[in-house]
Amino acid sequence: MAELYNELIKNNKNWVASKLSEDPEFFEKLAKGQQPPVLWIGCADSRVPANEIIGAQPGEVFVHRNIANMVIHTDMNMLSVLDYAVNVLKVRHVIVCGHYGCGGVLTAMGNQQVGLIDNWLRHIKDVYRLHQKELDAIEDMDQRGRRFVELNVIEQVFDLGKTSIIQNAWRERKGPAIHGWVYDLRNGLIQDLNVNVSDDSQLQEVYKLNM
């Protein structure tokens, strides 16, 4: 255990050295502030590092991660990140990125009780309920799981659009645009789901807020 811990500290020092060799002023410039154009809402899965898979540098992506990249309107952590990103950092794009083989999504397909996380998975099950006819028609369980991952991302994109934070920003500055992606662990490629929302025209009337 101590060996692993010490290795982490060593790796940090090596990383600092490599960055300084590329740019001696790297950390000095980074410490002056951030103005990332992108907010990333992704899964907490250790195999999906936001910056790395899109080739972004520190300071270029503001990141929020949780189990199965969920947008839950009572989650003050997510809402706080969203509010800061949209209203202070003025991000131009919000990306919801799920990944095929997501453990949270696949677990939500079943009925096994797993503990405290059951309460979180209930929100993912609601997505299944909304799309049950389509999903139940897919007999291959692997393909059903992949489609469920996609549908979950799409629902989270629209759930972002239903927040007062996003709707106010749309009215005030015509942004940000919200996008849905899925990362494929098998090949490292991102699948653009072509769900792009930049105003409330795609929302049902009941979700449109009069400010």
N, C-alpha and C. Protein backbone atom coordinates (compact mmCIF):
# COMPACT_ATOMS: atom_id res chain seq x y z
N MET A 1 0.83 -1.20 0.00
CA MET A 1 0.00 0.00 0.00
C MET A 1 0.87 1.26 0.00
N ALA A 2 1.89 1.28 0.87
CA ALA A 2 2.79 2.43 0.93
C ALA A 2 3.54 2.60 -0.38
N GLU A 3 3.88 1.49 -1.03
CA GLU A 3 4.61 1.54 -2.30
C GLU A 3 3.78 2.25 -3.37
N LEU A 4 2.49 1.91 -3.44
CA LEU A 4 1.61 2.56 -4.41
C LEU A 4 1.48 4.04 -4.11
N TYR A 5 1.31 4.37 -2.82
CA TYR A 5 1.17 5.77 -2.42
C TYR A 5 2.40 6.58 -2.81
N ASN A 6 3.58 6.04 -2.51
CA ASN A 6 4.82 6.74 -2.83
C ASN A 6 5.01 6.88 -4.34
N GLU A 7 4.52 5.90 -5.08
CA GLU A 7 4.62 5.94 -6.54
C GLU A 7 3.80 7.10 -7.11
N LEU A 8 2.66 7.38 -6.48
CA LEU A 8 1.82 8.48 -6.93
C LEU A 8 2.54 9.82 -6.77
N ILE A 9 3.20 10.01 -5.63
CA ILE A 9 3.95 11.24 -5.39
C ILE A 9 5.10 11.36 -6.39
N LYS A 10 5.77 10.25 -6.64
CA LYS A 10 6.88 10.24 -7.60
C LYS A 10 6.37 10.59 -9.00
N ASN A 11 5.22 10.03 -9.37
CA ASN A 11 4.66 10.30 -10.69
C ASN A 11 4.33 11.78 -10.85
N ASN A 12 3.84 12.40 -9.77
CA ASN A 12 3.54 13.83 -9.82
C ASN A 12 4.80 14.64 -10.11
N LYS A 13 5.88 14.31 -9.43
CA LYS A 13 7.13 15.03 -9.64
C LYS A 13 7.64 14.86 -11.06
N ASN A 14 7.49 13.66 -11.59
CA ASN A 14 7.91 13.40 -12.97
C ASN A 14 7.05 14.19 -13.96
N TRP A 15 5.76 14.28 -13.65
CA TRP A 15 4.85 15.04 -14.52
C TRP A 15 5.20 16.51 -14.51
N VAL A 16 5.48 17.05 -13.33
CA VAL A 16 5.88 18.46 -13.22
C VAL A 16 7.14 18.70 -14.04
N ALA A 17 8.10 17.81 -13.92
CA ALA A 17 9.36 17.97 -14.65
C ALA A 17 9.14 17.95 -16.16
N SER A 18 8.24 17.06 -16.61
CA SER A 18 7.98 16.98 -18.05
C SER A 18 7.29 18.23 -18.57
N LYS A 19 6.37 18.78 -17.78
CA LYS A 19 5.68 20.00 -18.18
C LYS A 19 6.64 21.19 -18.23
N LEU A 20 7.52 21.28 -17.25
CA LEU A 20 8.48 22.39 -17.21
C LEU A 20 9.50 22.28 -18.33
N SER A 21 9.79 21.07 -18.74
CA SER A 21 10.73 20.90 -19.86
C SER A 21 10.12 21.38 -21.17
N GLU A 22 8.78 21.27 -21.27
CA GLU A 22 8.08 21.76 -22.45
C GLU A 22 7.89 23.27 -22.41
N ASP A 23 7.58 23.77 -21.21
CA ASP A 23 7.31 25.19 -21.04
C ASP A 23 7.67 25.59 -19.61
N PRO A 24 8.81 26.28 -19.43
CA PRO A 24 9.24 26.65 -18.08
C PRO A 24 8.24 27.52 -17.32
N GLU A 25 7.31 28.18 -18.03
CA GLU A 25 6.32 29.05 -17.40
C GLU A 25 4.94 28.40 -17.31
N PHE A 26 4.88 27.08 -17.53
CA PHE A 26 3.59 26.38 -17.60
C PHE A 26 2.74 26.62 -16.36
N PHE A 27 3.29 26.35 -15.19
CA PHE A 27 2.50 26.46 -13.96
C PHE A 27 2.26 27.91 -13.56
N GLU A 28 3.20 28.77 -13.89
CA GLU A 28 3.03 30.19 -13.60
C GLU A 28 1.84 30.75 -14.37
N LYS A 29 1.72 30.36 -15.62
CA LYS A 29 0.60 30.82 -16.44
C LYS A 29 -0.70 30.17 -15.99
N LEU A 30 -0.65 28.88 -15.62
CA LEU A 30 -1.84 28.17 -15.19
C LEU A 30 -2.42 28.75 -13.91
N ALA A 31 -1.54 29.23 -13.03
CA ALA A 31 -1.98 29.75 -11.74
C ALA A 31 -2.70 31.10 -11.85
N LYS A 32 -2.59 31.73 -13.00
CA LYS A 32 -3.19 33.06 -13.16
C LYS A 32 -4.72 33.01 -13.30
N GLY A 33 -5.26 31.84 -13.57
CA GLY A 33 -6.72 31.72 -13.69
C GLY A 33 -7.12 30.74 -14.77
N GLN A 34 -8.43 30.54 -14.89
CA GLN A 34 -8.95 29.62 -15.88
C GLN A 34 -10.09 30.26 -16.66
N GLN A 35 -10.17 29.91 -17.93
CA GLN A 35 -11.28 30.34 -18.76
C GLN A 35 -11.61 29.23 -19.75
N PRO A 36 -11.96 28.04 -19.22
CA PRO A 36 -12.22 26.91 -20.12
C PRO A 36 -13.48 27.13 -20.95
N PRO A 37 -13.47 26.76 -22.22
CA PRO A 37 -14.65 26.91 -23.06
C PRO A 37 -15.66 25.77 -22.91
N VAL A 38 -15.27 24.72 -22.20
CA VAL A 38 -16.09 23.50 -22.16
C VAL A 38 -16.33 23.04 -20.72
N LEU A 39 -17.58 22.68 -20.44
CA LEU A 39 -17.92 21.94 -19.22
C LEU A 39 -18.19 20.50 -19.62
N TRP A 40 -17.54 19.59 -18.95
CA TRP A 40 -17.67 18.15 -19.23
C TRP A 40 -18.42 17.51 -18.08
N ILE A 41 -19.55 16.87 -18.36
CA ILE A 41 -20.26 16.09 -17.36
C ILE A 41 -20.14 14.63 -17.76
N GLY A 42 -19.33 13.89 -17.02
CA GLY A 42 -19.03 12.53 -17.42
C GLY A 42 -19.18 11.55 -16.28
N CYS A 43 -18.89 10.30 -16.58
CA CYS A 43 -18.97 9.23 -15.59
C CYS A 43 -17.71 9.22 -14.75
N ALA A 44 -17.82 8.80 -13.51
CA ALA A 44 -16.69 8.72 -12.60
C ALA A 44 -15.76 7.54 -12.92
N ASP A 45 -16.11 6.73 -13.88
CA ASP A 45 -15.30 5.56 -14.24
C ASP A 45 -13.85 5.97 -14.49
N SER A 46 -12.92 5.24 -13.89
CA SER A 46 -11.50 5.58 -13.97
C SER A 46 -10.92 5.43 -15.37
N ARG A 47 -11.66 4.74 -16.25
CA ARG A 47 -11.16 4.50 -17.61
C ARG A 47 -11.52 5.61 -18.58
N VAL A 48 -12.22 6.65 -18.08
CA VAL A 48 -12.68 7.72 -18.96
C VAL A 48 -12.17 9.07 -18.45
N PRO A 49 -10.88 9.34 -18.57
CA PRO A 49 -10.32 10.63 -18.14
C PRO A 49 -10.66 11.72 -19.15
N ALA A 50 -11.43 12.69 -18.71
CA ALA A 50 -11.99 13.68 -19.63
C ALA A 50 -10.94 14.38 -20.48
N ASN A 51 -9.96 15.00 -19.84
CA ASN A 51 -8.97 15.76 -20.60
C ASN A 51 -8.20 14.89 -21.59
N GLU A 52 -7.80 13.72 -21.12
CA GLU A 52 -6.91 12.88 -21.91
C GLU A 52 -7.55 12.39 -23.19
N ILE A 53 -8.80 11.95 -23.15
CA ILE A 53 -9.39 11.33 -24.34
C ILE A 53 -9.75 12.35 -25.42
N ILE A 54 -9.75 13.64 -25.08
CA ILE A 54 -10.00 14.66 -26.11
C ILE A 54 -8.76 15.52 -26.35
N GLY A 55 -7.64 15.12 -25.76
CA GLY A 55 -6.40 15.82 -26.00
C GLY A 55 -6.37 17.24 -25.45
N ALA A 56 -7.09 17.48 -24.36
CA ALA A 56 -7.16 18.82 -23.78
C ALA A 56 -6.09 19.01 -22.71
N GLN A 57 -5.63 20.22 -22.58
CA GLN A 57 -4.62 20.55 -21.58
C GLN A 57 -5.29 21.04 -20.29
N PRO A 58 -4.57 21.03 -19.16
CA PRO A 58 -5.12 21.62 -17.94
C PRO A 58 -5.56 23.06 -18.20
N GLY A 59 -6.75 23.40 -17.70
CA GLY A 59 -7.29 24.73 -17.90
C GLY A 59 -8.24 24.84 -19.07
N GLU A 60 -8.39 23.77 -19.86
CA GLU A 60 -9.24 23.83 -21.05
C GLU A 60 -10.61 23.20 -20.86
N VAL A 61 -10.78 22.38 -19.82
CA VAL A 61 -12.06 21.71 -19.60
C VAL A 61 -12.41 21.75 -18.11
N PHE A 62 -13.60 22.25 -17.80
CA PHE A 62 -14.13 22.22 -16.44
C PHE A 62 -14.90 20.92 -16.31
N VAL A 63 -14.64 20.13 -15.27
CA VAL A 63 -15.13 18.75 -15.23
C VAL A 63 -15.99 18.46 -14.01
N HIS A 64 -17.12 17.79 -14.27
CA HIS A 64 -17.93 17.22 -13.19
C HIS A 64 -18.18 15.76 -13.56
N ARG A 65 -17.95 14.86 -12.59
CA ARG A 65 -18.14 13.44 -12.86
C ARG A 65 -18.93 12.81 -11.73
N ASN A 66 -19.81 11.89 -12.09
CA ASN A 66 -20.54 11.10 -11.10
C ASN A 66 -20.87 9.74 -11.71
N ILE A 67 -21.53 8.89 -10.96
CA ILE A 67 -21.90 7.57 -11.47
C ILE A 67 -22.89 7.73 -12.63
N ALA A 68 -22.47 7.30 -13.82
CA ALA A 68 -23.31 7.26 -15.01
C ALA A 68 -23.68 8.64 -15.55
N ASN A 69 -22.81 9.66 -15.30
CA ASN A 69 -22.97 10.99 -15.91
C ASN A 69 -24.40 11.52 -15.82
N MET A 70 -24.93 11.53 -14.60
CA MET A 70 -26.32 11.91 -14.41
C MET A 70 -26.49 13.40 -14.14
N VAL A 71 -27.60 13.94 -14.62
CA VAL A 71 -28.02 15.32 -14.33
C VAL A 71 -29.29 15.22 -13.50
N ILE A 72 -29.14 15.34 -12.18
CA ILE A 72 -30.27 15.19 -11.27
C ILE A 72 -30.54 16.54 -10.63
N HIS A 73 -31.77 17.01 -10.75
CA HIS A 73 -32.09 18.39 -10.40
C HIS A 73 -32.04 18.69 -8.91
N THR A 74 -31.88 17.67 -8.09
CA THR A 74 -31.72 17.90 -6.65
C THR A 74 -30.26 17.70 -6.20
N ASP A 75 -29.38 17.47 -7.16
CA ASP A 75 -27.97 17.25 -6.87
C ASP A 75 -27.26 18.61 -6.79
N MET A 76 -27.05 19.11 -5.58
CA MET A 76 -26.47 20.43 -5.40
C MET A 76 -25.01 20.49 -5.86
N ASN A 77 -24.34 19.38 -5.84
CA ASN A 77 -22.97 19.33 -6.34
C ASN A 77 -22.96 19.63 -7.84
N MET A 78 -23.76 18.89 -8.59
CA MET A 78 -23.83 19.11 -10.02
C MET A 78 -24.31 20.51 -10.36
N LEU A 79 -25.36 20.97 -9.65
CA LEU A 79 -25.92 22.29 -9.93
C LEU A 79 -24.91 23.40 -9.63
N SER A 80 -24.12 23.23 -8.58
CA SER A 80 -23.11 24.22 -8.24
C SER A 80 -22.03 24.30 -9.31
N VAL A 81 -21.60 23.15 -9.79
CA VAL A 81 -20.62 23.10 -10.87
C VAL A 81 -21.20 23.75 -12.13
N LEU A 82 -22.43 23.39 -12.45
CA LEU A 82 -23.08 23.94 -13.64
C LEU A 82 -23.22 25.45 -13.55
N ASP A 83 -23.65 25.94 -12.40
CA ASP A 83 -23.84 27.38 -12.23
C ASP A 83 -22.51 28.12 -12.37
N TYR A 84 -21.47 27.59 -11.76
CA TYR A 84 -20.17 28.26 -11.84
C TYR A 84 -19.64 28.24 -13.27
N ALA A 85 -19.78 27.09 -13.93
CA ALA A 85 -19.28 26.97 -15.30
C ALA A 85 -20.02 27.91 -16.25
N VAL A 86 -21.34 27.98 -16.11
CA VAL A 86 -22.16 28.76 -17.04
C VAL A 86 -22.12 30.24 -16.73
N ASN A 87 -22.24 30.61 -15.45
CA ASN A 87 -22.41 32.02 -15.09
C ASN A 87 -21.12 32.74 -14.71
N VAL A 88 -20.10 32.01 -14.31
CA VAL A 88 -18.83 32.65 -13.98
C VAL A 88 -17.79 32.42 -15.08
N LEU A 89 -17.60 31.17 -15.45
CA LEU A 89 -16.62 30.85 -16.48
C LEU A 89 -17.14 31.11 -17.90
N LYS A 90 -18.46 31.18 -18.05
CA LYS A 90 -19.08 31.47 -19.35
C LYS A 90 -18.69 30.43 -20.41
N VAL A 91 -18.76 29.15 -20.05
CA VAL A 91 -18.43 28.11 -21.02
C VAL A 91 -19.35 28.20 -22.23
N ARG A 92 -18.80 27.82 -23.38
CA ARG A 92 -19.57 27.89 -24.62
C ARG A 92 -20.22 26.56 -24.98
N HIS A 93 -19.69 25.49 -24.42
CA HIS A 93 -20.22 24.16 -24.71
C HIS A 93 -20.30 23.34 -23.42
N VAL A 94 -21.38 22.57 -23.30
CA VAL A 94 -21.51 21.59 -22.22
C VAL A 94 -21.63 20.22 -22.88
N ILE A 95 -20.74 19.31 -22.51
CA ILE A 95 -20.75 17.97 -23.10
C ILE A 95 -21.12 16.95 -22.04
N VAL A 96 -22.17 16.19 -22.31
CA VAL A 96 -22.50 15.04 -21.47
C VAL A 96 -21.88 13.83 -22.17
N CYS A 97 -20.94 13.16 -21.49
CA CYS A 97 -20.26 12.03 -22.12
C CYS A 97 -20.44 10.77 -21.29
N GLY A 98 -21.16 9.82 -21.84
CA GLY A 98 -21.28 8.51 -21.23
C GLY A 98 -20.27 7.56 -21.85
N HIS A 99 -20.32 6.30 -21.50
CA HIS A 99 -19.42 5.33 -22.12
C HIS A 99 -20.08 3.97 -22.16
N TYR A 100 -19.84 3.27 -23.26
CA TYR A 100 -20.36 1.91 -23.39
C TYR A 100 -19.74 1.03 -22.31
N GLY A 101 -20.55 0.13 -21.77
CA GLY A 101 -20.09 -0.73 -20.70
C GLY A 101 -20.15 -0.07 -19.34
N CYS A 102 -20.91 1.02 -19.22
CA CYS A 102 -21.02 1.74 -17.96
C CYS A 102 -21.67 0.86 -16.90
N GLY A 103 -20.97 0.65 -15.79
CA GLY A 103 -21.47 -0.24 -14.74
C GLY A 103 -22.75 0.26 -14.12
N GLY A 104 -22.89 1.58 -13.95
CA GLY A 104 -24.10 2.12 -13.37
C GLY A 104 -25.31 1.87 -14.24
N VAL A 105 -25.15 2.11 -15.53
CA VAL A 105 -26.25 1.90 -16.47
C VAL A 105 -26.61 0.43 -16.56
N LEU A 106 -25.62 -0.44 -16.67
CA LEU A 106 -25.89 -1.87 -16.80
C LEU A 106 -26.54 -2.43 -15.54
N THR A 107 -26.10 -1.95 -14.37
CA THR A 107 -26.71 -2.40 -13.12
C THR A 107 -28.16 -1.96 -13.04
N ALA A 108 -28.45 -0.77 -13.54
CA ALA A 108 -29.81 -0.24 -13.52
C ALA A 108 -30.75 -1.05 -14.42
N MET A 109 -30.20 -1.84 -15.33
CA MET A 109 -31.02 -2.69 -16.19
C MET A 109 -31.57 -3.88 -15.42
N GLY A 110 -30.94 -4.23 -14.31
CA GLY A 110 -31.34 -5.41 -13.55
C GLY A 110 -32.08 -5.04 -12.28
N ASN A 111 -32.24 -6.04 -11.41
CA ASN A 111 -33.01 -5.87 -10.18
C ASN A 111 -32.22 -6.20 -8.92
N GLN A 112 -30.91 -6.41 -9.08
CA GLN A 112 -30.08 -6.76 -7.94
C GLN A 112 -29.90 -5.57 -7.01
N GLN A 113 -30.15 -5.74 -5.73
CA GLN A 113 -29.89 -4.69 -4.75
C GLN A 113 -28.41 -4.66 -4.46
N VAL A 114 -27.83 -3.46 -4.53
CA VAL A 114 -26.38 -3.37 -4.34
C VAL A 114 -25.98 -2.44 -3.20
N GLY A 115 -26.92 -1.73 -2.59
CA GLY A 115 -26.58 -0.88 -1.45
C GLY A 115 -27.05 0.55 -1.62
N LEU A 116 -26.31 1.47 -1.03
CA LEU A 116 -26.68 2.88 -1.06
C LEU A 116 -26.88 3.39 -2.48
N ILE A 117 -26.08 2.88 -3.39
CA ILE A 117 -26.15 3.35 -4.78
C ILE A 117 -27.49 3.05 -5.44
N ASP A 118 -28.28 2.14 -4.85
CA ASP A 118 -29.62 1.85 -5.40
C ASP A 118 -30.44 3.12 -5.55
N ASN A 119 -30.26 4.06 -4.63
CA ASN A 119 -31.02 5.31 -4.68
C ASN A 119 -30.62 6.16 -5.88
N TRP A 120 -29.34 6.09 -6.24
CA TRP A 120 -28.85 6.81 -7.42
C TRP A 120 -29.30 6.10 -8.70
N LEU A 121 -29.20 4.79 -8.68
CA LEU A 121 -29.58 4.01 -9.86
C LEU A 121 -31.05 4.16 -10.21
N ARG A 122 -31.87 4.50 -9.22
CA ARG A 122 -33.30 4.69 -9.46
C ARG A 122 -33.55 5.73 -10.54
N HIS A 123 -32.70 6.76 -10.58
CA HIS A 123 -32.85 7.79 -11.60
C HIS A 123 -32.52 7.24 -12.99
N ILE A 124 -31.56 6.32 -13.06
CA ILE A 124 -31.23 5.71 -14.34
C ILE A 124 -32.35 4.77 -14.77
N LYS A 125 -32.96 4.08 -13.82
CA LYS A 125 -34.09 3.21 -14.13
C LYS A 125 -35.25 4.02 -14.72
N ASP A 126 -35.39 5.28 -14.29
CA ASP A 126 -36.45 6.13 -14.86
C ASP A 126 -36.23 6.33 -16.36
N VAL A 127 -34.96 6.41 -16.78
CA VAL A 127 -34.66 6.53 -18.19
C VAL A 127 -35.07 5.26 -18.92
N TYR A 128 -34.83 4.10 -18.30
CA TYR A 128 -35.25 2.84 -18.91
C TYR A 128 -36.77 2.82 -19.07
N ARG A 129 -37.46 3.26 -18.03
CA ARG A 129 -38.93 3.28 -18.08
C ARG A 129 -39.43 4.13 -19.24
N LEU A 130 -38.80 5.26 -19.48
CA LEU A 130 -39.22 6.15 -20.56
C LEU A 130 -39.03 5.52 -21.94
N HIS A 131 -38.04 4.62 -22.04
CA HIS A 131 -37.70 4.04 -23.34
C HIS A 131 -37.84 2.51 -23.32
N GLN A 132 -38.70 2.01 -22.44
CA GLN A 132 -38.79 0.57 -22.22
C GLN A 132 -39.19 -0.20 -23.48
N LYS A 133 -40.11 0.35 -24.25
CA LYS A 133 -40.57 -0.37 -25.45
C LYS A 133 -39.43 -0.59 -26.42
N GLU A 134 -38.65 0.45 -26.66
CA GLU A 134 -37.50 0.32 -27.57
C GLU A 134 -36.45 -0.62 -27.01
N LEU A 135 -36.14 -0.47 -25.74
CA LEU A 135 -35.07 -1.28 -25.15
C LEU A 135 -35.46 -2.75 -25.03
N ASP A 136 -36.67 -3.02 -24.60
CA ASP A 136 -37.11 -4.42 -24.45
C ASP A 136 -37.15 -5.14 -25.80
N ALA A 137 -37.29 -4.38 -26.89
CA ALA A 137 -37.34 -4.98 -28.22
C ALA A 137 -35.95 -5.43 -28.71
N ILE A 138 -34.89 -4.99 -28.02
CA ILE A 138 -33.53 -5.38 -28.39
C ILE A 138 -33.17 -6.65 -27.63
N GLU A 139 -33.14 -7.78 -28.31
CA GLU A 139 -32.94 -9.07 -27.64
C GLU A 139 -31.50 -9.27 -27.17
N ASP A 140 -30.53 -8.82 -27.94
CA ASP A 140 -29.13 -8.96 -27.56
C ASP A 140 -28.83 -8.03 -26.40
N MET A 141 -28.45 -8.59 -25.26
CA MET A 141 -28.29 -7.79 -24.04
C MET A 141 -27.13 -6.81 -24.15
N ASP A 142 -26.08 -7.17 -24.88
CA ASP A 142 -24.97 -6.24 -25.06
C ASP A 142 -25.43 -5.02 -25.85
N GLN A 143 -26.17 -5.27 -26.92
CA GLN A 143 -26.68 -4.17 -27.74
C GLN A 143 -27.72 -3.34 -26.98
N ARG A 144 -28.51 -4.03 -26.16
CA ARG A 144 -29.49 -3.30 -25.35
C ARG A 144 -28.78 -2.36 -24.37
N GLY A 145 -27.71 -2.87 -23.77
CA GLY A 145 -26.95 -2.05 -22.84
C GLY A 145 -26.32 -0.85 -23.53
N ARG A 146 -25.81 -1.06 -24.73
CA ARG A 146 -25.19 0.05 -25.48
C ARG A 146 -26.23 1.11 -25.82
N ARG A 147 -27.41 0.66 -26.22
CA ARG A 147 -28.45 1.63 -26.55
C ARG A 147 -28.94 2.36 -25.30
N PHE A 148 -29.01 1.65 -24.19
CA PHE A 148 -29.42 2.27 -22.93
C PHE A 148 -28.43 3.37 -22.55
N VAL A 149 -27.14 3.12 -22.74
CA VAL A 149 -26.12 4.13 -22.47
C VAL A 149 -26.39 5.38 -23.31
N GLU A 150 -26.69 5.18 -24.59
CA GLU A 150 -26.96 6.31 -25.49
C GLU A 150 -28.20 7.09 -25.06
N LEU A 151 -29.26 6.36 -24.76
CA LEU A 151 -30.51 7.02 -24.36
C LEU A 151 -30.34 7.77 -23.04
N ASN A 152 -29.52 7.21 -22.15
CA ASN A 152 -29.27 7.89 -20.88
C ASN A 152 -28.57 9.23 -21.11
N VAL A 153 -27.58 9.24 -22.00
CA VAL A 153 -26.89 10.49 -22.33
C VAL A 153 -27.86 11.50 -22.90
N ILE A 154 -28.69 11.05 -23.84
CA ILE A 154 -29.65 11.96 -24.48
C ILE A 154 -30.59 12.58 -23.45
N GLU A 155 -31.07 11.77 -22.53
CA GLU A 155 -31.98 12.29 -21.50
C GLU A 155 -31.27 13.31 -20.61
N GLN A 156 -29.99 13.08 -20.32
CA GLN A 156 -29.26 14.02 -19.47
C GLN A 156 -29.02 15.35 -20.19
N VAL A 157 -28.82 15.29 -21.50
CA VAL A 157 -28.69 16.52 -22.29
C VAL A 157 -29.94 17.38 -22.14
N PHE A 158 -31.09 16.74 -22.28
CA PHE A 158 -32.34 17.50 -22.18
C PHE A 158 -32.64 17.90 -20.73
N ASP A 159 -32.20 17.09 -19.78
CA ASP A 159 -32.38 17.48 -18.37
C ASP A 159 -31.56 18.73 -18.05
N LEU A 160 -30.41 18.88 -18.67
CA LEU A 160 -29.64 20.11 -18.50
C LEU A 160 -30.42 21.30 -19.04
N GLY A 161 -31.04 21.10 -20.19
CA GLY A 161 -31.83 22.17 -20.80
C GLY A 161 -33.03 22.58 -19.98
N LYS A 162 -33.46 21.71 -19.10
CA LYS A 162 -34.63 22.01 -18.26
C LYS A 162 -34.25 22.83 -17.03
N THR A 163 -32.96 22.99 -16.75
CA THR A 163 -32.56 23.75 -15.57
C THR A 163 -32.72 25.25 -15.80
N SER A 164 -33.01 25.97 -14.73
CA SER A 164 -33.11 27.43 -14.83
C SER A 164 -31.75 28.03 -15.16
N ILE A 165 -30.67 27.39 -14.75
CA ILE A 165 -29.32 27.88 -15.02
C ILE A 165 -29.09 27.98 -16.52
N ILE A 166 -29.39 26.91 -17.23
CA ILE A 166 -29.18 26.87 -18.68
C ILE A 166 -30.17 27.78 -19.40
N GLN A 167 -31.43 27.73 -19.00
CA GLN A 167 -32.43 28.53 -19.70
C GLN A 167 -32.17 30.03 -19.55
N ASN A 168 -31.72 30.46 -18.38
CA ASN A 168 -31.37 31.87 -18.20
C ASN A 168 -30.20 32.25 -19.10
N ALA A 169 -29.21 31.36 -19.19
CA ALA A 169 -28.04 31.63 -20.03
C ALA A 169 -28.44 31.71 -21.50
N TRP A 170 -29.34 30.84 -21.92
CA TRP A 170 -29.82 30.91 -23.31
C TRP A 170 -30.46 32.26 -23.61
N ARG A 171 -31.24 32.76 -22.68
CA ARG A 171 -31.91 34.04 -22.89
C ARG A 171 -30.93 35.21 -22.87
N GLU A 172 -29.95 35.13 -21.98
CA GLU A 172 -29.04 36.25 -21.79
C GLU A 172 -27.92 36.32 -22.81
N ARG A 173 -27.40 35.14 -23.22
CA ARG A 173 -26.24 35.19 -24.12
C ARG A 173 -26.25 34.13 -25.23
N LYS A 174 -27.41 33.53 -25.45
CA LYS A 174 -27.57 32.56 -26.54
C LYS A 174 -26.59 31.38 -26.42
N GLY A 175 -26.31 30.97 -25.24
CA GLY A 175 -25.40 29.85 -25.04
C GLY A 175 -25.49 29.39 -23.59
N PRO A 176 -24.89 28.28 -23.27
CA PRO A 176 -24.03 27.41 -24.08
C PRO A 176 -24.83 26.37 -24.88
N ALA A 177 -24.15 25.74 -25.82
CA ALA A 177 -24.73 24.61 -26.54
C ALA A 177 -24.43 23.33 -25.76
N ILE A 178 -25.40 22.42 -25.75
CA ILE A 178 -25.25 21.16 -25.01
C ILE A 178 -25.17 20.01 -26.01
N HIS A 179 -24.24 19.10 -25.79
CA HIS A 179 -24.00 18.00 -26.72
C HIS A 179 -23.96 16.66 -25.98
N GLY A 180 -24.30 15.58 -26.67
CA GLY A 180 -24.25 14.25 -26.10
C GLY A 180 -23.27 13.35 -26.83
N TRP A 181 -22.34 12.78 -26.08
CA TRP A 181 -21.33 11.88 -26.63
C TRP A 181 -21.33 10.57 -25.86
N VAL A 182 -20.82 9.52 -26.53
CA VAL A 182 -20.53 8.26 -25.84
C VAL A 182 -19.12 7.81 -26.22
N TYR A 183 -18.36 7.48 -25.21
CA TYR A 183 -16.98 7.01 -25.39
C TYR A 183 -16.97 5.49 -25.44
N ASP A 184 -16.24 4.94 -26.41
CA ASP A 184 -16.16 3.49 -26.57
C ASP A 184 -14.85 2.98 -25.98
N LEU A 185 -14.94 2.25 -24.88
CA LEU A 185 -13.75 1.73 -24.22
C LEU A 185 -12.98 0.76 -25.10
N ARG A 186 -13.65 0.15 -26.06
CA ARG A 186 -13.01 -0.88 -26.88
C ARG A 186 -12.04 -0.31 -27.90
N ASN A 187 -12.27 0.92 -28.32
CA ASN A 187 -11.38 1.50 -29.33
C ASN A 187 -10.93 2.93 -29.03
N GLY A 188 -11.43 3.50 -27.94
CA GLY A 188 -11.00 4.84 -27.55
C GLY A 188 -11.67 5.97 -28.29
N LEU A 189 -12.62 5.64 -29.16
CA LEU A 189 -13.25 6.68 -29.98
C LEU A 189 -14.53 7.20 -29.35
N ILE A 190 -14.81 8.47 -29.62
CA ILE A 190 -16.04 9.11 -29.15
C ILE A 190 -17.10 9.03 -30.22
N GLN A 191 -18.29 8.64 -29.82
CA GLN A 191 -19.44 8.61 -30.72
C GLN A 191 -20.30 9.84 -30.46
N ASP A 192 -20.39 10.72 -31.46
CA ASP A 192 -21.25 11.89 -31.35
C ASP A 192 -22.68 11.45 -31.63
N LEU A 193 -23.57 11.61 -30.64
CA LEU A 193 -24.95 11.16 -30.79
C LEU A 193 -25.81 12.13 -31.58
N ASN A 194 -25.19 13.23 -32.03
CA ASN A 194 -25.90 14.24 -32.82
C ASN A 194 -27.13 14.78 -32.11
N VAL A 195 -27.02 14.89 -30.81
CA VAL A 195 -28.06 15.58 -30.04
C VAL A 195 -27.42 16.87 -29.54
N ASN A 196 -27.84 17.97 -30.13
CA ASN A 196 -27.25 19.27 -29.86
C ASN A 196 -28.38 20.24 -29.53
N VAL A 197 -28.34 20.80 -28.33
CA VAL A 197 -29.43 21.67 -27.85
C VAL A 197 -28.84 23.02 -27.48
N SER A 198 -29.32 24.08 -28.12
CA SER A 198 -28.79 25.41 -27.83
C SER A 198 -29.88 26.43 -27.52
N ASP A 199 -31.12 25.96 -27.44
CA ASP A 199 -32.22 26.81 -26.99
C ASP A 199 -33.36 25.91 -26.53
N ASP A 200 -34.47 26.50 -26.10
CA ASP A 200 -35.56 25.68 -25.53
C ASP A 200 -36.56 25.18 -26.56
N SER A 201 -36.24 25.32 -27.84
CA SER A 201 -37.19 24.93 -28.88
C SER A 201 -37.45 23.43 -28.91
N GLN A 202 -36.51 22.63 -28.39
CA GLN A 202 -36.67 21.18 -28.40
C GLN A 202 -37.26 20.65 -27.09
N LEU A 203 -37.55 21.55 -26.16
CA LEU A 203 -38.15 21.15 -24.90
C LEU A 203 -39.66 21.16 -25.00
N GLN A 204 -40.30 20.24 -24.27
CA GLN A 204 -41.75 20.28 -24.17
C GLN A 204 -42.16 21.55 -23.44
N GLU A 205 -43.33 22.05 -23.77
CA GLU A 205 -43.78 23.35 -23.26
C GLU A 205 -43.77 23.41 -21.73
N VAL A 206 -44.08 22.30 -21.08
CA VAL A 206 -44.17 22.30 -19.62
C VAL A 206 -42.82 22.58 -18.94
N TYR A 207 -41.71 22.36 -19.67
CA TYR A 207 -40.38 22.57 -19.09
C TYR A 207 -39.82 23.96 -19.36
N LYS A 208 -40.48 24.75 -20.19
CA LYS A 208 -39.99 26.08 -20.51
C LYS A 208 -40.36 27.05 -19.38
N LEU A 209 -39.34 27.73 -18.89
CA LEU A 209 -39.52 28.61 -17.74
C LEU A 209 -39.67 30.06 -18.18
N ASN A 210 -40.65 30.75 -17.61
CA ASN A 210 -40.82 32.17 -17.86
C ASN A 210 -40.00 32.93 -16.82
N MET A 211 -38.98 33.62 -17.28
CA MET A 211 -38.08 34.31 -16.37
C MET A 211 -38.55 35.76 -16.16
